C-alpha cells in the first residue's frame, strides 16, 4: 500500500512540477516588434453613409486588419460597430497603405463616425 502511495505521489509531483514550468518566454526583441504598430503611409477616410446621416447614427467601427509585409491590406474582419457604418469603414481601410515590414502583421483599426464627417 505504501508503495502505491509513493508511486502515485511521485506521478503527481512530476505532473504538477511540469505544469509550473510554464510556456517559453519570447525574446524581448520579438515581443517589442509585435506591439509596435505599422505606420500608415496612405490613409483614406470613410464616406459617411447617407442613410446613417439621415438616421443620425454615430459610433465607432473596429476592423481587424491583416497587413502584408509590403504594406498593403490583405484581409479585414469586423470586430464591432453599427452595420450602417461598417461597409464604409471596410471600403476605406482596404485603400490604406502601410510602411513595409519584415512580415505580415494584424492590427485593429478604429473609425469614429461622429456625425460631422
N, C-alpha and C. Protein backbone atom coordinates (compact mmCIF):
# COMPACT_ATOMS: atom_id res chain seq x y z
N UNK A 1 0.82 -1.20 0.00
CA UNK A 1 0.00 0.00 0.00
C UNK A 1 0.86 1.26 0.00
N UNK A 2 1.93 1.25 0.83
CA UNK A 2 2.82 2.40 0.88
C UNK A 2 3.51 2.62 -0.46
N UNK A 3 3.80 1.51 -1.14
CA UNK A 3 4.48 1.62 -2.44
C UNK A 3 3.56 2.30 -3.47
N UNK A 4 2.29 1.95 -3.46
CA UNK A 4 1.32 2.57 -4.38
C UNK A 4 1.21 4.07 -4.11
N UNK A 5 1.13 4.43 -2.85
CA UNK A 5 1.05 5.85 -2.49
C UNK A 5 2.31 6.59 -2.92
N UNK A 6 3.46 5.95 -2.77
CA UNK A 6 4.72 6.56 -3.18
C UNK A 6 4.78 6.79 -4.67
N UNK A 7 4.34 5.81 -5.45
CA UNK A 7 4.32 5.94 -6.91
C UNK A 7 3.30 6.99 -7.33
N UNK A 8 2.13 6.98 -6.71
CA UNK A 8 1.10 7.97 -7.03
C UNK A 8 1.59 9.37 -6.68
N UNK A 9 2.25 9.49 -5.54
CA UNK A 9 2.79 10.79 -5.12
C UNK A 9 3.87 11.29 -6.07
N UNK A 10 4.73 10.38 -6.52
CA UNK A 10 5.78 10.74 -7.47
C UNK A 10 5.18 11.19 -8.80
N UNK A 11 4.17 10.47 -9.27
CA UNK A 11 3.49 10.85 -10.52
C UNK A 11 2.83 12.21 -10.41
N UNK A 12 2.18 12.45 -9.28
CA UNK A 12 1.54 13.74 -9.06
C UNK A 12 2.57 14.87 -8.99
N UNK A 13 3.69 14.61 -8.33
CA UNK A 13 4.75 15.62 -8.24
C UNK A 13 5.31 15.95 -9.62
N UNK A 14 5.52 14.92 -10.44
CA UNK A 14 6.03 15.14 -11.80
C UNK A 14 5.02 15.91 -12.64
N UNK A 15 3.76 15.57 -12.49
CA UNK A 15 2.71 16.24 -13.24
C UNK A 15 2.62 17.72 -12.86
N UNK A 16 2.58 17.99 -11.57
CA UNK A 16 2.49 19.37 -11.10
C UNK A 16 3.77 20.15 -11.38
N UNK A 17 4.88 19.51 -11.24
CA UNK A 17 6.15 20.18 -11.49
C UNK A 17 6.29 20.62 -12.94
N UNK A 18 5.82 19.78 -13.87
CA UNK A 18 5.87 20.12 -15.28
C UNK A 18 4.95 21.28 -15.62
N UNK A 19 3.80 21.37 -14.94
CA UNK A 19 2.86 22.45 -15.25
C UNK A 19 3.33 23.78 -14.70
N UNK A 20 4.22 23.77 -13.72
CA UNK A 20 4.72 25.02 -13.15
C UNK A 20 5.79 25.65 -14.03
N UNK A 21 6.35 24.87 -14.93
CA UNK A 21 7.40 25.40 -15.79
C UNK A 21 6.87 26.51 -16.67
N UNK A 22 5.62 26.44 -17.14
CA UNK A 22 5.01 27.50 -17.94
C UNK A 22 5.50 27.50 -19.37
N UNK A 23 4.87 28.32 -20.20
CA UNK A 23 5.25 28.39 -21.61
C UNK A 23 6.57 29.13 -21.78
N UNK A 24 7.28 28.85 -22.87
CA UNK A 24 8.53 29.56 -23.10
C UNK A 24 8.27 31.05 -23.31
N UNK A 25 9.17 31.87 -22.84
CA UNK A 25 9.05 33.32 -22.97
C UNK A 25 9.73 33.75 -24.26
N UNK A 26 9.02 34.60 -25.04
CA UNK A 26 9.58 35.08 -26.30
C UNK A 26 10.69 36.08 -26.02
N UNK A 27 11.68 36.14 -26.89
CA UNK A 27 12.74 37.14 -26.72
C UNK A 27 12.17 38.55 -26.72
N UNK A 28 12.81 39.47 -26.03
CA UNK A 28 12.31 40.84 -25.90
C UNK A 28 12.19 41.52 -27.25
N UNK A 29 13.12 41.27 -28.15
CA UNK A 29 13.08 41.91 -29.45
C UNK A 29 11.82 41.50 -30.22
N UNK A 30 11.47 40.24 -30.16
CA UNK A 30 10.31 39.75 -30.87
C UNK A 30 9.03 40.34 -30.30
N UNK A 31 8.91 40.43 -28.98
CA UNK A 31 7.69 40.96 -28.39
C UNK A 31 7.57 42.46 -28.62
N UNK A 32 8.66 43.19 -28.70
CA UNK A 32 8.57 44.62 -28.96
C UNK A 32 8.13 44.87 -30.40
N UNK A 33 8.53 44.00 -31.32
CA UNK A 33 8.07 44.14 -32.70
C UNK A 33 6.58 43.83 -32.79
N UNK A 34 6.12 42.88 -32.01
CA UNK A 34 4.71 42.52 -32.02
C UNK A 34 3.84 43.69 -31.59
N UNK A 35 4.29 44.43 -30.59
CA UNK A 35 3.47 45.50 -30.04
C UNK A 35 3.58 46.79 -30.84
N UNK A 36 4.60 46.92 -31.68
CA UNK A 36 4.77 48.13 -32.47
C UNK A 36 3.78 48.13 -33.62
N UNK A 37 3.06 49.24 -33.77
CA UNK A 37 2.12 49.35 -34.87
C UNK A 37 2.83 49.83 -36.11
N UNK A 38 2.35 49.38 -37.25
CA UNK A 38 2.90 49.81 -38.52
C UNK A 38 2.42 51.23 -38.80
N UNK A 39 3.29 52.06 -39.35
CA UNK A 39 2.92 53.43 -39.69
C UNK A 39 2.14 53.45 -40.99
N UNK A 40 1.14 54.32 -41.01
CA UNK A 40 0.29 54.45 -42.19
C UNK A 40 0.93 55.43 -43.17
N UNK A 41 1.09 54.98 -44.42
CA UNK A 41 1.62 55.85 -45.48
C UNK A 41 0.48 56.57 -46.21
N UNK A 42 -0.60 55.84 -46.50
CA UNK A 42 -1.76 56.41 -47.18
C UNK A 42 -3.00 56.07 -46.38
N UNK A 43 -3.70 57.11 -45.94
CA UNK A 43 -4.90 56.93 -45.11
C UNK A 43 -6.10 57.49 -45.88
N UNK A 44 -7.13 56.69 -46.07
CA UNK A 44 -8.35 57.11 -46.74
C UNK A 44 -9.46 57.15 -45.69
N UNK A 45 -10.10 58.29 -45.56
CA UNK A 45 -11.19 58.42 -44.59
C UNK A 45 -12.48 57.90 -45.20
N UNK A 46 -13.30 57.21 -44.41
CA UNK A 46 -14.55 56.65 -44.95
C UNK A 46 -15.58 57.74 -45.24
N UNK A 47 -16.37 57.51 -46.26
CA UNK A 47 -17.51 58.39 -46.55
C UNK A 47 -18.61 58.04 -45.56
N UNK A 48 -19.24 59.07 -44.99
CA UNK A 48 -20.33 58.84 -44.06
C UNK A 48 -21.54 58.39 -44.87
N UNK A 49 -22.06 57.20 -44.63
CA UNK A 49 -23.20 56.71 -45.41
C UNK A 49 -24.42 57.64 -45.28
N UNK A 50 -25.09 57.88 -46.40
CA UNK A 50 -26.23 58.80 -46.44
C UNK A 50 -27.32 58.34 -45.47
N UNK A 51 -27.64 57.06 -45.48
CA UNK A 51 -28.69 56.55 -44.60
C UNK A 51 -28.31 56.74 -43.12
N UNK A 52 -27.05 56.51 -42.80
CA UNK A 52 -26.59 56.70 -41.41
C UNK A 52 -26.70 58.17 -41.01
N UNK A 53 -26.40 59.08 -41.95
CA UNK A 53 -26.56 60.52 -41.66
C UNK A 53 -28.02 60.86 -41.41
N UNK A 54 -28.88 60.36 -42.28
CA UNK A 54 -30.31 60.65 -42.14
C UNK A 54 -30.86 60.12 -40.83
N UNK A 55 -30.37 58.96 -40.41
CA UNK A 55 -30.85 58.36 -39.16
C UNK A 55 -30.05 58.84 -37.94
N UNK A 56 -29.07 59.71 -38.20
CA UNK A 56 -28.22 60.27 -37.13
C UNK A 56 -27.50 59.16 -36.34
N UNK A 57 -27.01 58.16 -37.08
CA UNK A 57 -26.27 57.06 -36.47
C UNK A 57 -24.82 57.49 -36.30
N UNK A 58 -24.30 57.37 -35.08
CA UNK A 58 -22.90 57.67 -34.80
C UNK A 58 -22.29 56.48 -34.08
N UNK A 59 -20.99 56.50 -33.95
CA UNK A 59 -20.34 55.43 -33.20
C UNK A 59 -19.01 55.04 -33.81
N UNK A 60 -18.42 54.03 -33.20
CA UNK A 60 -17.11 53.55 -33.63
C UNK A 60 -17.26 52.22 -34.36
N UNK A 61 -16.37 52.02 -35.33
CA UNK A 61 -16.30 50.75 -36.04
C UNK A 61 -14.87 50.24 -35.87
N UNK A 62 -14.73 49.00 -35.41
CA UNK A 62 -13.42 48.40 -35.24
C UNK A 62 -13.25 47.29 -36.27
N UNK A 63 -12.11 47.35 -36.97
CA UNK A 63 -11.83 46.37 -38.00
C UNK A 63 -10.46 45.76 -37.77
N UNK A 64 -10.41 44.44 -37.68
CA UNK A 64 -9.14 43.72 -37.58
C UNK A 64 -8.58 43.64 -38.99
N UNK A 65 -7.39 44.17 -39.17
CA UNK A 65 -6.79 44.32 -40.48
C UNK A 65 -5.49 43.54 -40.57
N UNK A 66 -5.36 42.71 -41.60
CA UNK A 66 -4.12 41.99 -41.85
C UNK A 66 -3.34 42.77 -42.90
N UNK A 67 -2.08 43.08 -42.57
CA UNK A 67 -1.24 43.89 -43.43
C UNK A 67 -0.08 43.03 -43.91
N UNK A 68 0.09 42.96 -45.23
CA UNK A 68 1.17 42.17 -45.82
C UNK A 68 2.51 42.85 -45.53
N UNK A 69 3.58 42.11 -45.71
CA UNK A 69 4.92 42.64 -45.47
C UNK A 69 5.19 43.87 -46.33
N UNK A 70 4.61 43.92 -47.53
CA UNK A 70 4.85 45.07 -48.42
C UNK A 70 3.99 46.28 -48.07
N UNK A 71 3.05 46.14 -47.12
CA UNK A 71 2.28 47.29 -46.63
C UNK A 71 0.85 47.39 -47.12
N UNK A 72 0.40 46.50 -47.99
CA UNK A 72 -0.99 46.59 -48.42
C UNK A 72 -1.89 45.70 -47.56
N UNK A 73 -3.16 46.04 -47.50
CA UNK A 73 -4.13 45.32 -46.69
C UNK A 73 -4.55 44.06 -47.44
N UNK A 74 -4.42 42.91 -46.79
CA UNK A 74 -4.77 41.66 -47.44
C UNK A 74 -6.08 41.07 -46.94
N UNK A 75 -6.49 41.42 -45.72
CA UNK A 75 -7.69 40.83 -45.16
C UNK A 75 -8.28 41.77 -44.11
N UNK A 76 -9.60 41.77 -44.00
CA UNK A 76 -10.27 42.57 -42.98
C UNK A 76 -11.37 41.74 -42.34
N UNK A 77 -11.63 42.05 -41.07
CA UNK A 77 -12.69 41.36 -40.34
C UNK A 77 -13.30 42.36 -39.36
N UNK A 78 -14.60 42.48 -39.37
CA UNK A 78 -15.29 43.41 -38.49
C UNK A 78 -15.24 42.89 -37.07
N UNK A 79 -14.80 43.75 -36.15
CA UNK A 79 -14.75 43.40 -34.73
C UNK A 79 -15.97 43.97 -34.03
N UNK A 80 -16.42 45.15 -34.46
CA UNK A 80 -17.60 45.75 -33.84
C UNK A 80 -17.99 47.04 -34.53
N UNK A 81 -19.25 47.41 -34.36
CA UNK A 81 -19.74 48.66 -34.92
C UNK A 81 -21.11 48.50 -35.53
N UNK A 82 -21.74 49.63 -35.82
CA UNK A 82 -23.07 49.62 -36.41
C UNK A 82 -23.02 49.08 -37.84
N UNK A 83 -23.95 48.20 -38.18
CA UNK A 83 -23.99 47.68 -39.55
C UNK A 83 -24.14 48.77 -40.61
N UNK A 84 -24.74 49.91 -40.24
CA UNK A 84 -24.89 51.01 -41.19
C UNK A 84 -23.55 51.69 -41.49
N UNK A 85 -22.57 51.55 -40.61
CA UNK A 85 -21.29 52.23 -40.77
C UNK A 85 -20.17 51.29 -41.23
N UNK A 86 -20.36 50.01 -41.04
CA UNK A 86 -19.30 49.03 -41.29
C UNK A 86 -18.80 49.04 -42.74
N UNK A 87 -19.71 49.04 -43.71
CA UNK A 87 -19.27 48.93 -45.11
C UNK A 87 -18.41 50.12 -45.52
N UNK A 88 -18.73 51.32 -45.05
CA UNK A 88 -17.93 52.50 -45.38
C UNK A 88 -16.52 52.37 -44.79
N UNK A 89 -16.44 51.87 -43.56
CA UNK A 89 -15.13 51.69 -42.92
C UNK A 89 -14.32 50.62 -43.64
N UNK A 90 -14.97 49.53 -44.03
CA UNK A 90 -14.28 48.44 -44.74
C UNK A 90 -13.75 48.93 -46.09
N UNK A 91 -14.56 49.69 -46.82
CA UNK A 91 -14.12 50.22 -48.11
C UNK A 91 -12.91 51.11 -47.95
N UNK A 92 -12.90 51.93 -46.91
CA UNK A 92 -11.79 52.86 -46.68
C UNK A 92 -10.51 52.12 -46.28
N UNK A 93 -10.59 51.18 -45.36
CA UNK A 93 -9.39 50.51 -44.86
C UNK A 93 -8.71 49.69 -45.94
N UNK A 94 -9.47 49.18 -46.89
CA UNK A 94 -8.88 48.40 -47.99
C UNK A 94 -7.99 49.26 -48.89
N UNK A 95 -8.15 50.58 -48.82
CA UNK A 95 -7.35 51.50 -49.63
C UNK A 95 -6.13 52.02 -48.88
N UNK A 96 -6.02 51.72 -47.58
CA UNK A 96 -4.87 52.17 -46.80
C UNK A 96 -3.61 51.44 -47.25
N UNK A 97 -2.49 52.14 -47.09
CA UNK A 97 -1.17 51.54 -47.33
C UNK A 97 -0.30 51.84 -46.12
N UNK A 98 0.45 50.84 -45.70
CA UNK A 98 1.31 50.94 -44.53
C UNK A 98 2.77 50.85 -44.95
N UNK A 99 3.67 51.27 -44.07
CA UNK A 99 5.09 51.13 -44.34
C UNK A 99 5.42 49.64 -44.40
N UNK A 100 6.34 49.25 -45.28
CA UNK A 100 6.73 47.84 -45.35
C UNK A 100 7.31 47.34 -44.02
N UNK A 101 7.12 46.07 -43.77
CA UNK A 101 7.65 45.44 -42.56
C UNK A 101 8.36 44.15 -42.92
N UNK A 102 8.85 43.47 -41.92
CA UNK A 102 9.57 42.23 -42.16
C UNK A 102 8.64 41.05 -42.40
N UNK A 103 7.38 41.19 -41.94
CA UNK A 103 6.42 40.09 -42.10
C UNK A 103 5.00 40.63 -42.02
N UNK A 104 4.04 39.77 -42.26
CA UNK A 104 2.63 40.13 -42.17
C UNK A 104 2.27 40.44 -40.72
N UNK A 105 1.46 41.46 -40.50
CA UNK A 105 1.01 41.81 -39.15
C UNK A 105 -0.51 41.99 -39.14
N UNK A 106 -1.07 41.98 -37.95
CA UNK A 106 -2.50 42.19 -37.78
C UNK A 106 -2.71 43.30 -36.76
N UNK A 107 -3.58 44.24 -37.09
CA UNK A 107 -3.90 45.35 -36.20
C UNK A 107 -5.40 45.59 -36.20
N UNK A 108 -5.88 46.17 -35.12
CA UNK A 108 -7.28 46.58 -35.06
C UNK A 108 -7.31 48.09 -35.29
N UNK A 109 -8.03 48.48 -36.35
CA UNK A 109 -8.15 49.89 -36.72
C UNK A 109 -9.55 50.34 -36.31
N UNK A 110 -9.63 51.53 -35.71
CA UNK A 110 -10.91 52.04 -35.24
C UNK A 110 -11.27 53.33 -35.97
N UNK A 111 -12.49 53.38 -36.48
CA UNK A 111 -13.01 54.58 -37.12
C UNK A 111 -14.10 55.15 -36.21
N UNK A 112 -14.12 56.48 -36.08
CA UNK A 112 -15.11 57.13 -35.23
C UNK A 112 -16.01 57.99 -36.11
N UNK A 113 -17.26 57.57 -36.24
CA UNK A 113 -18.25 58.33 -37.00
C UNK A 113 -18.99 59.21 -36.00
N UNK A 114 -18.78 60.51 -36.09
CA UNK A 114 -19.36 61.43 -35.10
C UNK A 114 -20.57 62.19 -35.62
N UNK A 115 -20.88 62.05 -36.89
CA UNK A 115 -22.00 62.82 -37.45
C UNK A 115 -21.50 64.08 -38.12
N UNK A 116 -20.23 64.40 -37.93
CA UNK A 116 -19.65 65.60 -38.52
C UNK A 116 -18.74 65.26 -39.69
N UNK A 117 -18.63 63.99 -40.03
CA UNK A 117 -17.74 63.54 -41.11
C UNK A 117 -18.28 63.96 -42.46
